[in-house]
PDB file of all heavy atoms in Angstrom:
ATOM      1  N   TYR A   1      -9.078  -6.428  -0.113  1.00  0.00           N
ATOM      2  CA  TYR A   1      -7.720  -5.884  -0.110  1.00  0.00           C
ATOM      3  C   TYR A   1      -7.236  -5.451  -1.479  1.00  0.00           C
ATOM      4  O   TYR A   1      -6.498  -4.475  -1.590  1.00  0.00           O
ATOM      5  CB  TYR A   1      -6.753  -6.903   0.501  1.00  0.00           C
ATOM      6  CG  TYR A   1      -6.962  -7.110   1.968  1.00  0.00           C
ATOM      7  CD1 TYR A   1      -7.605  -8.245   2.449  1.00  0.00           C
ATOM      8  CD2 TYR A   1      -6.526  -6.161   2.884  1.00  0.00           C
ATOM      9  CE1 TYR A   1      -7.803  -8.428   3.810  1.00  0.00           C
ATOM     10  CE2 TYR A   1      -6.716  -6.338   4.242  1.00  0.00           C
ATOM     11  CZ  TYR A   1      -7.361  -7.474   4.699  1.00  0.00           C
ATOM     12  OH  TYR A   1      -7.557  -7.637   6.040  1.00  0.00           O
ATOM     13  N   GLU A   2      -7.628  -6.152  -2.524  1.00  0.00           N
ATOM     14  CA  GLU A   2      -7.178  -5.788  -3.870  1.00  0.00           C
ATOM     15  C   GLU A   2      -7.740  -4.431  -4.278  1.00  0.00           C
ATOM     16  O   GLU A   2      -7.032  -3.590  -4.837  1.00  0.00           O
ATOM     17  CB  GLU A   2      -7.571  -6.865  -4.884  1.00  0.00           C
ATOM     18  CG  GLU A   2      -7.017  -6.627  -6.282  1.00  0.00           C
ATOM     19  CD  GLU A   2      -5.492  -6.627  -6.360  1.00  0.00           C
ATOM     20  OE1 GLU A   2      -4.848  -7.359  -5.578  1.00  0.00           O
ATOM     21  OE2 GLU A   2      -4.946  -5.886  -7.201  1.00  0.00           O
ATOM     22  N   ILE A   3      -9.016  -4.209  -3.988  1.00  0.00           N
ATOM     23  CA  ILE A   3      -9.627  -2.906  -4.282  1.00  0.00           C
ATOM     24  C   ILE A   3      -8.929  -1.820  -3.475  1.00  0.00           C
ATOM     25  O   ILE A   3      -8.558  -0.769  -4.004  1.00  0.00           O
ATOM     26  CB  ILE A   3     -11.142  -2.935  -3.972  1.00  0.00           C
ATOM     27  CG1 ILE A   3     -11.862  -3.851  -4.963  1.00  0.00           C
ATOM     28  CG2 ILE A   3     -11.731  -1.530  -3.979  1.00  0.00           C
ATOM     29  CD1 ILE A   3     -13.305  -4.136  -4.610  1.00  0.00           C
ATOM     30  N   ALA A   4      -8.737  -2.075  -2.185  1.00  0.00           N
ATOM     31  CA  ALA A   4      -8.065  -1.105  -1.320  1.00  0.00           C
ATOM     32  C   ALA A   4      -6.658  -0.826  -1.829  1.00  0.00           C
ATOM     33  O   ALA A   4      -6.223   0.328  -1.882  1.00  0.00           O
ATOM     34  CB  ALA A   4      -8.017  -1.620   0.111  1.00  0.00           C
ATOM     35  N   TYR A   5      -5.952  -1.879  -2.224  1.00  0.00           N
ATOM     36  CA  TYR A   5      -4.585  -1.727  -2.722  1.00  0.00           C
ATOM     37  C   TYR A   5      -4.542  -0.792  -3.936  1.00  0.00           C
ATOM     38  O   TYR A   5      -3.735   0.132  -3.999  1.00  0.00           O
ATOM     39  CB  TYR A   5      -3.997  -3.099  -3.078  1.00  0.00           C
ATOM     40  CG  TYR A   5      -2.675  -3.007  -3.787  1.00  0.00           C
ATOM     41  CD1 TYR A   5      -1.493  -2.830  -3.069  1.00  0.00           C
ATOM     42  CD2 TYR A   5      -2.606  -3.057  -5.172  1.00  0.00           C
ATOM     43  CE1 TYR A   5      -0.277  -2.717  -3.724  1.00  0.00           C
ATOM     44  CE2 TYR A   5      -1.400  -2.948  -5.836  1.00  0.00           C
ATOM     45  CZ  TYR A   5      -0.233  -2.780  -5.100  1.00  0.00           C
ATOM     46  OH  TYR A   5       0.966  -2.645  -5.758  1.00  0.00           O
ATOM     47  N   LYS A   6      -5.408  -1.026  -4.907  1.00  0.00           N
ATOM     48  CA  LYS A   6      -5.409  -0.216  -6.127  1.00  0.00           C
ATOM     49  C   LYS A   6      -5.702   1.250  -5.824  1.00  0.00           C
ATOM     50  O   LYS A   6      -5.067   2.147  -6.373  1.00  0.00           O
ATOM     51  CB  LYS A   6      -6.430  -0.770  -7.127  1.00  0.00           C
ATOM     52  CG  LYS A   6      -5.994  -2.066  -7.781  1.00  0.00           C
ATOM     53  CD  LYS A   6      -7.059  -2.607  -8.712  1.00  0.00           C
ATOM     54  CE  LYS A   6      -6.610  -3.926  -9.330  1.00  0.00           C
ATOM     55  NZ  LYS A   6      -7.665  -4.530 -10.152  1.00  0.00           N
ATOM     56  N   ARG A   7      -6.675   1.491  -4.948  1.00  0.00           N
ATOM     57  CA  ARG A   7      -7.046   2.876  -4.640  1.00  0.00           C
ATOM     58  C   ARG A   7      -5.934   3.563  -3.828  1.00  0.00           C
ATOM     59  O   ARG A   7      -5.595   4.715  -4.074  1.00  0.00           O
ATOM     60  CB  ARG A   7      -8.379   2.931  -3.892  1.00  0.00           C
ATOM     61  CG  ARG A   7      -9.558   2.327  -4.645  1.00  0.00           C
ATOM     62  CD  ARG A   7      -9.664   2.813  -6.083  1.00  0.00           C
ATOM     63  NE  ARG A   7     -10.249   4.139  -6.143  1.00  0.00           N
ATOM     64  CZ  ARG A   7     -10.069   4.999  -7.132  1.00  0.00           C
ATOM     65  NH1 ARG A   7      -9.312   4.694  -8.160  1.00  0.00           N
ATOM     66  NH2 ARG A   7     -10.630   6.179  -7.115  1.00  0.00           N
ATOM     67  N   LEU A   8      -5.367   2.861  -2.868  1.00  0.00           N
ATOM     68  CA  LEU A   8      -4.290   3.445  -2.060  1.00  0.00           C
ATOM     69  C   LEU A   8      -3.039   3.688  -2.905  1.00  0.00           C
ATOM     70  O   LEU A   8      -2.371   4.706  -2.758  1.00  0.00           O
ATOM     71  CB  LEU A   8      -3.975   2.542  -0.869  1.00  0.00           C
ATOM     72  CG  LEU A   8      -5.045   2.500   0.216  1.00  0.00           C
ATOM     73  CD1 LEU A   8      -4.821   1.314   1.148  1.00  0.00           C
ATOM     74  CD2 LEU A   8      -5.096   3.806   1.003  1.00  0.00           C
ATOM     75  N   LYS A   9      -2.730   2.759  -3.790  1.00  0.00           N
ATOM     76  CA  LYS A   9      -1.579   2.910  -4.676  1.00  0.00           C
ATOM     77  C   LYS A   9      -1.758   4.156  -5.547  1.00  0.00           C
ATOM     78  O   LYS A   9      -0.819   4.927  -5.769  1.00  0.00           O
ATOM     79  CB  LYS A   9      -1.423   1.658  -5.544  1.00  0.00           C
ATOM     80  CG  LYS A   9      -0.215   1.654  -6.426  1.00  0.00           C
ATOM     81  CD  LYS A   9       0.982   1.129  -5.708  1.00  0.00           C
ATOM     82  CE  LYS A   9       2.118   0.856  -6.672  1.00  0.00           C
ATOM     83  NZ  LYS A   9       3.259   0.260  -6.004  1.00  0.00           N
ATOM     84  N   HIS A  10      -2.975   4.359  -6.019  1.00  0.00           N
ATOM     85  CA  HIS A  10      -3.266   5.521  -6.856  1.00  0.00           C
ATOM     86  C   HIS A  10      -2.986   6.828  -6.106  1.00  0.00           C
ATOM     87  O   HIS A  10      -2.282   7.702  -6.616  1.00  0.00           O
ATOM     88  CB  HIS A  10      -4.720   5.495  -7.328  1.00  0.00           C
ATOM     89  CG  HIS A  10      -5.140   6.743  -8.030  1.00  0.00           C
ATOM     90  ND1 HIS A  10      -4.762   7.026  -9.318  1.00  0.00           N
ATOM     91  CD2 HIS A  10      -5.865   7.792  -7.603  1.00  0.00           C
ATOM     92  CE1 HIS A  10      -5.246   8.211  -9.660  1.00  0.00           C
ATOM     93  NE2 HIS A  10      -5.921   8.698  -8.630  1.00  0.00           N
ATOM     94  N   ILE A  11      -3.527   6.980  -4.907  1.00  0.00           N
ATOM     95  CA  ILE A  11      -3.337   8.254  -4.207  1.00  0.00           C
ATOM     96  C   ILE A  11      -1.891   8.412  -3.731  1.00  0.00           C
ATOM     97  O   ILE A  11      -1.371   9.529  -3.707  1.00  0.00           O
ATOM     98  CB  ILE A  11      -4.332   8.461  -3.045  1.00  0.00           C
ATOM     99  CG1 ILE A  11      -4.224   7.366  -1.980  1.00  0.00           C
ATOM    100  CG2 ILE A  11      -5.751   8.590  -3.575  1.00  0.00           C
ATOM    101  CD1 ILE A  11      -5.087   7.610  -0.750  1.00  0.00           C
ATOM    102  N   TYR A  12      -1.251   7.296  -3.407  1.00  0.00           N
ATOM    103  CA  TYR A  12       0.145   7.379  -2.967  1.00  0.00           C
ATOM    104  C   TYR A  12       1.045   7.857  -4.107  1.00  0.00           C
ATOM    105  O   TYR A  12       1.914   8.703  -3.914  1.00  0.00           O
ATOM    106  CB  TYR A  12       0.623   6.033  -2.428  1.00  0.00           C
ATOM    107  CG  TYR A  12       2.009   6.099  -1.842  1.00  0.00           C
ATOM    108  CD1 TYR A  12       2.233   6.705  -0.613  1.00  0.00           C
ATOM    109  CD2 TYR A  12       3.097   5.582  -2.531  1.00  0.00           C
ATOM    110  CE1 TYR A  12       3.516   6.796  -0.082  1.00  0.00           C
ATOM    111  CE2 TYR A  12       4.376   5.668  -2.011  1.00  0.00           C
ATOM    112  CZ  TYR A  12       4.579   6.273  -0.784  1.00  0.00           C
ATOM    113  OH  TYR A  12       5.848   6.366  -0.267  1.00  0.00           O
ATOM    114  N   THR A  13       0.821   7.340  -5.300  1.00  0.00           N
ATOM    115  CA  THR A  13       1.642   7.739  -6.446  1.00  0.00           C
ATOM    116  C   THR A  13       1.275   9.129  -6.966  1.00  0.00           C
ATOM    117  O   THR A  13       2.013   9.703  -7.761  1.00  0.00           O
ATOM    118  CB  THR A  13       1.551   6.716  -7.598  1.00  0.00           C
ATOM    119  OG1 THR A  13       0.183   6.571  -7.984  1.00  0.00           O
ATOM    120  CG2 THR A  13       2.106   5.381  -7.184  1.00  0.00           C
ATOM    121  N   HIS A  14       0.127   9.665  -6.519  1.00  0.00           N
ATOM    122  CA  HIS A  14      -0.273  11.018  -6.914  1.00  0.00           C
ATOM    123  C   HIS A  14      -0.048  12.021  -5.786  1.00  0.00           C
ATOM    124  O   HIS A  14      -0.767  13.012  -5.657  1.00  0.00           O
ATOM    125  CB  HIS A  14      -1.736  11.039  -7.370  1.00  0.00           C
ATOM    126  CG  HIS A  14      -1.914  10.559  -8.768  1.00  0.00           C
ATOM    127  ND1 HIS A  14      -2.008   9.224  -9.081  1.00  0.00           N
ATOM    128  CD2 HIS A  14      -1.985  11.224  -9.954  1.00  0.00           C
ATOM    129  CE1 HIS A  14      -2.150   9.095 -10.383  1.00  0.00           C
ATOM    130  NE2 HIS A  14      -2.132  10.284 -10.944  1.00  0.00           N
ATOM    131  N   GLY A  15       0.947  11.749  -4.954  1.00  0.00           N
ATOM    132  CA  GLY A  15       1.385  12.761  -4.007  1.00  0.00           C
ATOM    133  C   GLY A  15       0.816  12.704  -2.606  1.00  0.00           C
ATOM    134  O   GLY A  15       1.186  13.514  -1.765  1.00  0.00           O
ATOM    135  N   PHE A  16      -0.077  11.769  -2.334  1.00  0.00           N
ATOM    136  CA  PHE A  16      -0.596  11.634  -0.962  1.00  0.00           C
ATOM    137  C   PHE A  16       0.341  10.662  -0.258  1.00  0.00           C
ATOM    138  O   PHE A  16       0.025   9.508  -0.045  1.00  0.00           O
ATOM    139  CB  PHE A  16      -2.020  11.111  -0.996  1.00  0.00           C
ATOM    140  CG  PHE A  16      -2.839  11.432   0.234  1.00  0.00           C
ATOM    141  CD1 PHE A  16      -2.333  12.146   1.308  1.00  0.00           C
ATOM    142  CD2 PHE A  16      -4.156  11.019   0.301  1.00  0.00           C
ATOM    143  CE1 PHE A  16      -3.101  12.430   2.423  1.00  0.00           C
ATOM    144  CE2 PHE A  16      -4.948  11.304   1.403  1.00  0.00           C
ATOM    145  CZ  PHE A  16      -4.417  12.014   2.471  1.00  0.00           C
ATOM    146  N   ASP A  17       1.521  11.162   0.108  1.00  0.00           N
ATOM    147  CA  ASP A  17       2.590  10.262   0.525  1.00  0.00           C
ATOM    148  C   ASP A  17       2.955  10.367   2.002  1.00  0.00           C
ATOM    149  O   ASP A  17       4.067  10.040   2.389  1.00  0.00           O
ATOM    150  CB  ASP A  17       3.825  10.477  -0.349  1.00  0.00           C
ATOM    151  CG  ASP A  17       4.288  11.926  -0.356  1.00  0.00           C
ATOM    152  OD1 ASP A  17       3.696  12.757   0.354  1.00  0.00           O
ATOM    153  OD2 ASP A  17       5.243  12.224  -1.092  1.00  0.00           O
ATOM    154  N   HIS A  18       2.013  10.799   2.823  1.00  0.00           N
ATOM    155  CA  HIS A  18       2.251  10.745   4.266  1.00  0.00           C
ATOM    156  C   HIS A  18       2.497   9.288   4.645  1.00  0.00           C
ATOM    157  O   HIS A  18       1.928   8.376   4.046  1.00  0.00           O
ATOM    158  CB  HIS A  18       1.032  11.292   5.016  1.00  0.00           C
ATOM    159  CG  HIS A  18       1.227  11.388   6.488  1.00  0.00           C
ATOM    160  ND1 HIS A  18       0.888  10.363   7.343  1.00  0.00           N
ATOM    161  CD2 HIS A  18       1.742  12.368   7.258  1.00  0.00           C
ATOM    162  CE1 HIS A  18       1.176  10.721   8.585  1.00  0.00           C
ATOM    163  NE2 HIS A  18       1.691  11.938   8.564  1.00  0.00           N
ATOM    164  N   TRP A  19       3.338   9.041   5.645  1.00  0.00           N
ATOM    165  CA  TRP A  19       3.726   7.666   5.954  1.00  0.00           C
ATOM    166  C   TRP A  19       2.552   6.776   6.330  1.00  0.00           C
ATOM    167  O   TRP A  19       2.582   5.568   6.111  1.00  0.00           O
ATOM    168  CB  TRP A  19       4.809   7.610   7.026  1.00  0.00           C
ATOM    169  CG  TRP A  19       4.450   8.104   8.396  1.00  0.00           C
ATOM    170  CD1 TRP A  19       4.803   9.288   8.947  1.00  0.00           C
ATOM    171  CD2 TRP A  19       3.696   7.404   9.399  1.00  0.00           C
ATOM    172  NE1 TRP A  19       4.308   9.394  10.228  1.00  0.00           N
ATOM    173  CE2 TRP A  19       3.626   8.239  10.532  1.00  0.00           C
ATOM    174  CE3 TRP A  19       3.072   6.152   9.461  1.00  0.00           C
ATOM    175  CZ2 TRP A  19       2.956   7.886  11.701  1.00  0.00           C
ATOM    176  CZ3 TRP A  19       2.403   5.791  10.624  1.00  0.00           C
ATOM    177  CH2 TRP A  19       2.346   6.646  11.720  1.00  0.00           C
ATOM    178  N   ARG A  20       1.466   7.360   6.878  1.00  0.00           N
ATOM    179  CA  ARG A  20       0.335   6.498   7.239  1.00  0.00           C
ATOM    180  C   ARG A  20      -0.313   5.918   5.989  1.00  0.00           C
ATOM    181  O   ARG A  20      -0.852   4.804   6.022  1.00  0.00           O
ATOM    182  CB  ARG A  20      -0.671   7.240   8.115  1.00  0.00           C
ATOM    183  CG  ARG A  20      -1.610   8.157   7.389  1.00  0.00           C
ATOM    184  CD  ARG A  20      -2.448   9.007   8.333  1.00  0.00           C
ATOM    185  NE  ARG A  20      -3.541   9.662   7.672  1.00  0.00           N
ATOM    186  CZ  ARG A  20      -3.433  10.692   6.838  1.00  0.00           C
ATOM    187  NH1 ARG A  20      -2.237  11.185   6.544  1.00  0.00           N
ATOM    188  NH2 ARG A  20      -4.509  11.228   6.296  1.00  0.00           N
ATOM    189  N   ILE A  21      -0.274   6.648   4.859  1.00  0.00           N
ATOM    190  CA  ILE A  21      -0.819   6.122   3.615  1.00  0.00           C
ATOM    191  C   ILE A  21       0.026   4.934   3.159  1.00  0.00           C
ATOM    192  O   ILE A  21      -0.494   3.908   2.712  1.00  0.00           O
ATOM    193  CB  ILE A  21      -0.864   7.212   2.519  1.00  0.00           C
ATOM    194  CG1 ILE A  21      -1.589   8.470   3.003  1.00  0.00           C
ATOM    195  CG2 ILE A  21      -1.487   6.663   1.240  1.00  0.00           C
ATOM    196  CD1 ILE A  21      -3.014   8.260   3.455  1.00  0.00           C
ATOM    197  N   LYS A  22       1.339   5.044   3.310  1.00  0.00           N
ATOM    198  CA  LYS A  22       2.233   3.930   2.982  1.00  0.00           C
ATOM    199  C   LYS A  22       1.941   2.734   3.891  1.00  0.00           C
ATOM    200  O   LYS A  22       1.969   1.589   3.454  1.00  0.00           O
ATOM    201  CB  LYS A  22       3.693   4.363   3.121  1.00  0.00           C
ATOM    202  CG  LYS A  22       4.684   3.350   2.573  1.00  0.00           C
ATOM    203  CD  LYS A  22       6.123   3.746   2.846  1.00  0.00           C
ATOM    204  CE  LYS A  22       6.557   4.929   2.047  1.00  0.00           C
ATOM    205  NZ  LYS A  22       8.013   5.203   2.225  1.00  0.00           N
ATOM    206  N   PHE A  23       1.644   3.011   5.151  1.00  0.00           N
ATOM    207  CA  PHE A  23       1.299   1.950   6.098  1.00  0.00           C
ATOM    208  C   PHE A  23       0.012   1.240   5.669  1.00  0.00           C
ATOM    209  O   PHE A  23      -0.048   0.005   5.630  1.00  0.00           O
ATOM    210  CB  PHE A  23       1.154   2.534   7.503  1.00  0.00           C
ATOM    211  CG  PHE A  23       0.630   1.574   8.527  1.00  0.00           C
ATOM    212  CD1 PHE A  23       1.349   0.437   8.857  1.00  0.00           C
ATOM    213  CD2 PHE A  23      -0.577   1.797   9.151  1.00  0.00           C
ATOM    214  CE1 PHE A  23       0.871  -0.463   9.803  1.00  0.00           C
ATOM    215  CE2 PHE A  23      -1.060   0.916  10.106  1.00  0.00           C
ATOM    216  CZ  PHE A  23      -0.341  -0.224  10.434  1.00  0.00           C
ATOM    217  N   TYR A  24      -1.021   2.020   5.322  1.00  0.00           N
ATOM    218  CA  TYR A  24      -2.272   1.412   4.845  1.00  0.00           C
ATOM    219  C   TYR A  24      -2.020   0.619   3.560  1.00  0.00           C
ATOM    220  O   TYR A  24      -2.567  -0.474   3.382  1.00  0.00           O
ATOM    221  CB  TYR A  24      -3.333   2.480   4.578  1.00  0.00           C
ATOM    222  CG  TYR A  24      -3.777   3.287   5.779  1.00  0.00           C
ATOM    223  CD1 TYR A  24      -4.134   4.627   5.632  1.00  0.00           C
ATOM    224  CD2 TYR A  24      -3.866   2.729   7.051  1.00  0.00           C
ATOM    225  CE1 TYR A  24      -4.566   5.387   6.716  1.00  0.00           C
ATOM    226  CE2 TYR A  24      -4.290   3.482   8.142  1.00  0.00           C
ATOM    227  CZ  TYR A  24      -4.633   4.816   7.959  1.00  0.00           C
ATOM    228  OH  TYR A  24      -5.068   5.564   9.031  1.00  0.00           O
ATOM    229  N   LEU A  25      -1.195   1.163   2.664  1.00  0.00           N
ATOM    230  CA  LEU A  25      -0.870   0.484   1.414  1.00  0.00           C
ATOM    231  C   LEU A  25      -0.150  -0.833   1.697  1.00  0.00           C
ATOM    232  O   LEU A  25      -0.438  -1.850   1.046  1.00  0.00           O
ATOM    233  CB  LEU A  25      -0.017   1.391   0.526  1.00  0.00           C
ATOM    234  CG  LEU A  25       0.418   0.844  -0.827  1.00  0.00           C
ATOM    235  CD1 LEU A  25      -0.785   0.444  -1.686  1.00  0.00           C
ATOM    236  CD2 LEU A  25       1.283   1.863  -1.564  1.00  0.00           C
ATOM    237  N   ALA A  26       0.755  -0.850   2.660  1.00  0.00           N
ATOM    238  CA  ALA A  26       1.449  -2.089   3.039  1.00  0.00           C
ATOM    239  C   ALA A  26       0.454  -3.126   3.540  1.00  0.00           C
ATOM    240  O   ALA A  26       0.538  -4.304   3.181  1.00  0.00           O
ATOM    241  CB  ALA A  26       2.508  -1.797   4.090  1.00  0.00           C
ATOM    242  N   GLN A  27      -0.496  -2.700   4.360  1.00  0.00           N
ATOM    243  CA  GLN A  27      -1.523  -3.627   4.856  1.00  0.00           C
ATOM    244  C   GLN A  27      -2.329  -4.211   3.701  1.00  0.00           C
ATOM    245  O   GLN A  27      -2.608  -5.414   3.668  1.00  0.00           O
ATOM    246  CB  GLN A  27      -2.457  -2.913   5.831  1.00  0.00           C
ATOM    247  CG  GLN A  27      -1.835  -2.589   7.169  1.00  0.00           C
ATOM    248  CD  GLN A  27      -2.834  -1.906   8.086  1.00  0.00           C
ATOM    249  OE1 GLN A  27      -3.467  -0.925   7.706  1.00  0.00           O
ATOM    250  NE2 GLN A  27      -2.971  -2.433   9.279  1.00  0.00           N
ATOM    251  N   ALA A  28      -2.719  -3.332   2.762  1.00  0.00           N
ATOM    252  CA  ALA A  28      -3.498  -3.800   1.617  1.00  0.00           C
ATOM    253  C   ALA A  28      -2.673  -4.734   0.734  1.00  0.00           C
ATOM    254  O   ALA A  28      -3.187  -5.720   0.206  1.00  0.00           O
ATOM    255  CB  ALA A  28      -4.008  -2.606   0.809  1.00  0.00           C
ATOM    256  N   ALA A  29      -1.394  -4.437   0.589  1.00  0.00           N
ATOM    257  CA  ALA A  29      -0.518  -5.306  -0.197  1.00  0.00           C
ATOM    258  C   ALA A  29      -0.435  -6.691   0.437  1.00  0.00           C
ATOM    259  O   ALA A  29      -0.583  -7.708  -0.255  1.00  0.00           O
ATOM    260  CB  ALA A  29       0.871  -4.679  -0.327  1.00  0.00           C
ATOM    261  N   TYR A  30      -0.208  -6.751   1.744  1.00  0.00           N
ATOM    262  CA  TYR A  30      -0.178  -8.039   2.436  1.00  0.00           C
ATOM    263  C   TYR A  30      -1.498  -8.775   2.252  1.00  0.00           C
ATOM    264  O   TYR A  30      -1.521  -9.962   1.921  1.00  0.00           O
ATOM    265  CB  TYR A  30       0.093  -7.851   3.927  1.00  0.00           C
ATOM    266  CG  TYR A  30       1.545  -7.767   4.292  1.00  0.00           C
ATOM    267  CD1 TYR A  30       2.126  -6.548   4.634  1.00  0.00           C
ATOM    268  CD2 TYR A  30       2.352  -8.903   4.323  1.00  0.00           C
ATOM    269  CE1 TYR A  30       3.464  -6.467   4.976  1.00  0.00           C
ATOM    270  CE2 TYR A  30       3.690  -8.830   4.670  1.00  0.00           C
ATOM    271  CZ  TYR A  30       4.245  -7.601   4.996  1.00  0.00           C
ATOM    272  OH  TYR A  30       5.566  -7.524   5.333  1.00  0.00           O
ATOM    273  N   GLY A  31      -2.591  -8.065   2.476  1.00  0.00           N
ATOM    274  CA  GLY A  31      -3.907  -8.699   2.400  1.00  0.00           C
ATOM    275  C   GLY A  31      -4.246  -9.229   1.030  1.00  0.00           C
ATOM    276  O   GLY A  31      -4.971 -10.217   0.892  1.00  0.00           O
ATOM    277  N   SER A  32      -3.708  -8.579  -0.018  1.00  0.00           N
ATOM    278  CA  SER A  32      -4.015  -9.012  -1.387  1.00  0.00           C
ATOM    279  C   SER A  32      -2.963  -9.966  -1.946  1.00  0.00           C
ATOM    280  O   SER A  32      -2.968 -10.280  -3.126  1.00  0.00           O
ATOM    281  CB  SER A  32      -4.167  -7.792  -2.305  1.00  0.00           C
ATOM    282  OG  SER A  32      -2.973  -7.043  -2.341  1.00  0.00           O
ATOM    283  N   GLY A  33      -2.063 -10.433  -1.070  1.00  0.00           N
ATOM    284  CA  GLY A  33      -1.089 -11.438  -1.490  1.00  0.00           C
ATOM    285  C   GLY A  33       0.190 -10.881  -2.071  1.00  0.00           C
ATOM    286  O   GLY A  33       1.040 -11.647  -2.537  1.00  0.00           O
ATOM    287  N   LYS A  34       0.369  -9.571  -2.042  1.00  0.00           N
ATOM    288  CA  LYS A  34       1.602  -8.956  -2.555  1.00  0.00           C
ATOM    289  C   LYS A  34       2.601  -8.842  -1.402  1.00  0.00           C
ATOM    290  O   LYS A  34       2.940  -7.750  -0.945  1.00  0.00           O
ATOM    291  CB  LYS A  34       1.279  -7.588  -3.162  1.00  0.00           C
ATOM    292  CG  LYS A  34       0.353  -7.665  -4.358  1.00  0.00           C
ATOM    293  CD  LYS A  34      -0.136  -6.286  -4.748  1.00  0.00           C
ATOM    294  CE  LYS A  34      -1.092  -6.331  -5.912  1.00  0.00           C
ATOM    295  NZ  LYS A  34      -2.310  -7.101  -5.672  1.00  0.00           N
ATOM    296  N   ILE A  35       3.052  -9.998  -0.953  1.00  0.00           N
ATOM    297  CA  ILE A  35       3.872 -10.084   0.254  1.00  0.00           C
ATOM    298  C   ILE A  35       5.185  -9.318   0.111  1.00  0.00           C
ATOM    299  O   ILE A  35       5.564  -8.551   1.003  1.00  0.00           O
ATOM    300  CB  ILE A  35       4.151 -11.561   0.625  1.00  0.00           C
ATOM    301  CG1 ILE A  35       2.838 -12.354   0.742  1.00  0.00           C
ATOM    302  CG2 ILE A  35       4.976 -11.646   1.903  1.00  0.00           C
ATOM    303  CD1 ILE A  35       1.850 -11.807   1.758  1.00  0.00           C
ATOM    304  N   LYS A  36       5.868  -9.495  -1.005  1.00  0.00           N
ATOM    305  CA  LYS A  36       7.161  -8.816  -1.189  1.00  0.00           C
ATOM    306  C   LYS A  36       6.996  -7.304  -1.186  1.00  0.00           C
ATOM    307  O   LYS A  36       7.797  -6.582  -0.599  1.00  0.00           O
ATOM    308  CB  LYS A  36       7.840  -9.288  -2.473  1.00  0.00           C
ATOM    309  CG  LYS A  36       8.386 -10.688  -2.366  1.00  0.00           C
ATOM    310  CD  LYS A  36       9.156 -11.081  -3.602  1.00  0.00           C
ATOM    311  CE  LYS A  36       9.696 -12.493  -3.417  1.00  0.00           C
ATOM    312  NZ  LYS A  36      10.461 -12.952  -4.567  1.00  0.00           N
ATOM    313  N   GLU A  37       5.952  -6.820  -1.855  1.00  0.00           N
ATOM    314  CA  GLU A  37       5.721  -5.375  -1.862  1.00  0.00           C
ATOM    315  C   GLU A  37       5.359  -4.880  -0.460  1.00  0.00           C
ATOM    316  O   GLU A  37       5.840  -3.832  -0.022  1.00  0.00           O
ATOM    317  CB  GLU A  37       4.615  -4.985  -2.842  1.00  0.00           C
ATOM    318  CG  GLU A  37       4.432  -3.481  -2.920  1.00  0.00           C
ATOM    319  CD  GLU A  37       3.461  -3.033  -3.990  1.00  0.00           C
ATOM    320  OE1 GLU A  37       2.979  -3.871  -4.776  1.00  0.00           O
ATOM    321  OE2 GLU A  37       3.185  -1.824  -4.037  1.00  0.00           O
ATOM    322  N   GLY A  38       4.533  -5.646   0.242  1.00  0.00           N
ATOM    323  CA  GLY A  38       4.185  -5.279   1.609  1.00  0.00           C
ATOM    324  C   GLY A  38       5.415  -5.216   2.500  1.00  0.00           C
ATOM    325  O   GLY A  38       5.581  -4.267   3.283  1.00  0.00           O
ATOM    326  N   GLU A  39       6.296  -6.223   2.362  1.00  0.00           N
ATOM    327  CA  GLU A  39       7.536  -6.230   3.154  1.00  0.00           C
ATOM    328  C   GLU A  39       8.426  -5.046   2.802  1.00  0.00           C
ATOM    329  O   GLU A  39       9.012  -4.417   3.685  1.00  0.00           O
ATOM    330  CB  GLU A  39       8.288  -7.546   2.936  1.00  0.00           C
ATOM    331  CG  GLU A  39       7.620  -8.733   3.585  1.00  0.00           C
ATOM    332  CD  GLU A  39       8.295 -10.054   3.237  1.00  0.00           C
ATOM    333  OE1 GLU A  39       9.171 -10.075   2.335  1.00  0.00           O
ATOM    334  OE2 GLU A  39       7.930 -11.062   3.865  1.00  0.00           O
ATOM    335  N   SER A  40       8.518  -4.739   1.522  1.00  0.00           N
ATOM    336  CA  SER A  40       9.341  -3.615   1.083  1.00  0.00           C
ATOM    337  C   SER A  40       8.813  -2.289   1.650  1.00  0.00           C
ATOM    338  O   SER A  40       9.579  -1.459   2.142  1.00  0.00           O
ATOM    339  CB  SER A  40       9.366  -3.565  -0.450  1.00  0.00           C
ATOM    340  OG  SER A  40      10.044  -2.423  -0.893  1.00  0.00           O
ATOM    341  N   LEU A  41       7.509  -2.107   1.592  1.00  0.00           N
ATOM    342  CA  LEU A  41       6.907  -0.891   2.139  1.00  0.00           C
ATOM    343  C   LEU A  41       7.141  -0.793   3.645  1.00  0.00           C
ATOM    344  O   LEU A  41       7.441   0.293   4.165  1.00  0.00           O
ATOM    345  CB  LEU A  41       5.404  -0.864   1.832  1.00  0.00           C
ATOM    346  CG  LEU A  41       5.028  -0.591   0.376  1.00  0.00           C
ATOM    347  CD1 LEU A  41       3.583  -0.969   0.112  1.00  0.00           C
ATOM    348  CD2 LEU A  41       5.279   0.866   0.022  1.00  0.00           C
ATOM    349  N   MET A  42       7.028  -1.917   4.334  1.00  0.00           N
ATOM    350  CA  MET A  42       7.239  -1.909   5.789  1.00  0.00           C
ATOM    351  C   MET A  42       8.700  -1.600   6.121  1.00  0.00           C
ATOM    352  O   MET A  42       8.979  -0.869   7.069  1.00  0.00           O
ATOM    353  CB  MET A  42       6.817  -3.251   6.396  1.00  0.00           C
ATOM    354  CG  MET A  42       5.318  -3.506   6.304  1.00  0.00           C
ATOM    355  SD  MET A  42       4.326  -2.204   7.047  1.00  0.00           S
ATOM    356  CE  MET A  42       4.438  -2.668   8.739  1.00  0.00           C
ATOM    357  N   ARG A  43       9.627  -2.135   5.322  1.00  0.00           N
ATOM    358  CA  ARG A  43      11.044  -1.815   5.535  1.00  0.00           C
ATOM    359  C   ARG A  43      11.288  -0.327   5.351  1.00  0.00           C
ATOM    360  O   ARG A  43      11.998   0.312   6.122  1.00  0.00           O
ATOM    361  CB  ARG A  43      11.925  -2.632   4.593  1.00  0.00           C
ATOM    362  CG  ARG A  43      12.438  -3.926   5.199  1.00  0.00           C
ATOM    363  CD  ARG A  43      13.542  -4.545   4.358  1.00  0.00           C
ATOM    364  NE  ARG A  43      13.148  -4.842   2.996  1.00  0.00           N
ATOM    365  CZ  ARG A  43      12.446  -5.917   2.625  1.00  0.00           C
ATOM    366  NH1 ARG A  43      12.073  -6.787   3.522  1.00  0.00           N
ATOM    367  NH2 ARG A  43      12.131  -6.103   1.370  1.00  0.00           N
TER     368      ARG A  43
END
């Protein structure tokens, strides 16, 4: 999840901002222990 989080965060911040990318990023955040960020993204 940490690897996935870093890669997804990179493409999301570089303009690949379709909501499904945010959804995948939220999953990776939860999986890597970034619960607050995952909750924020889901909200």
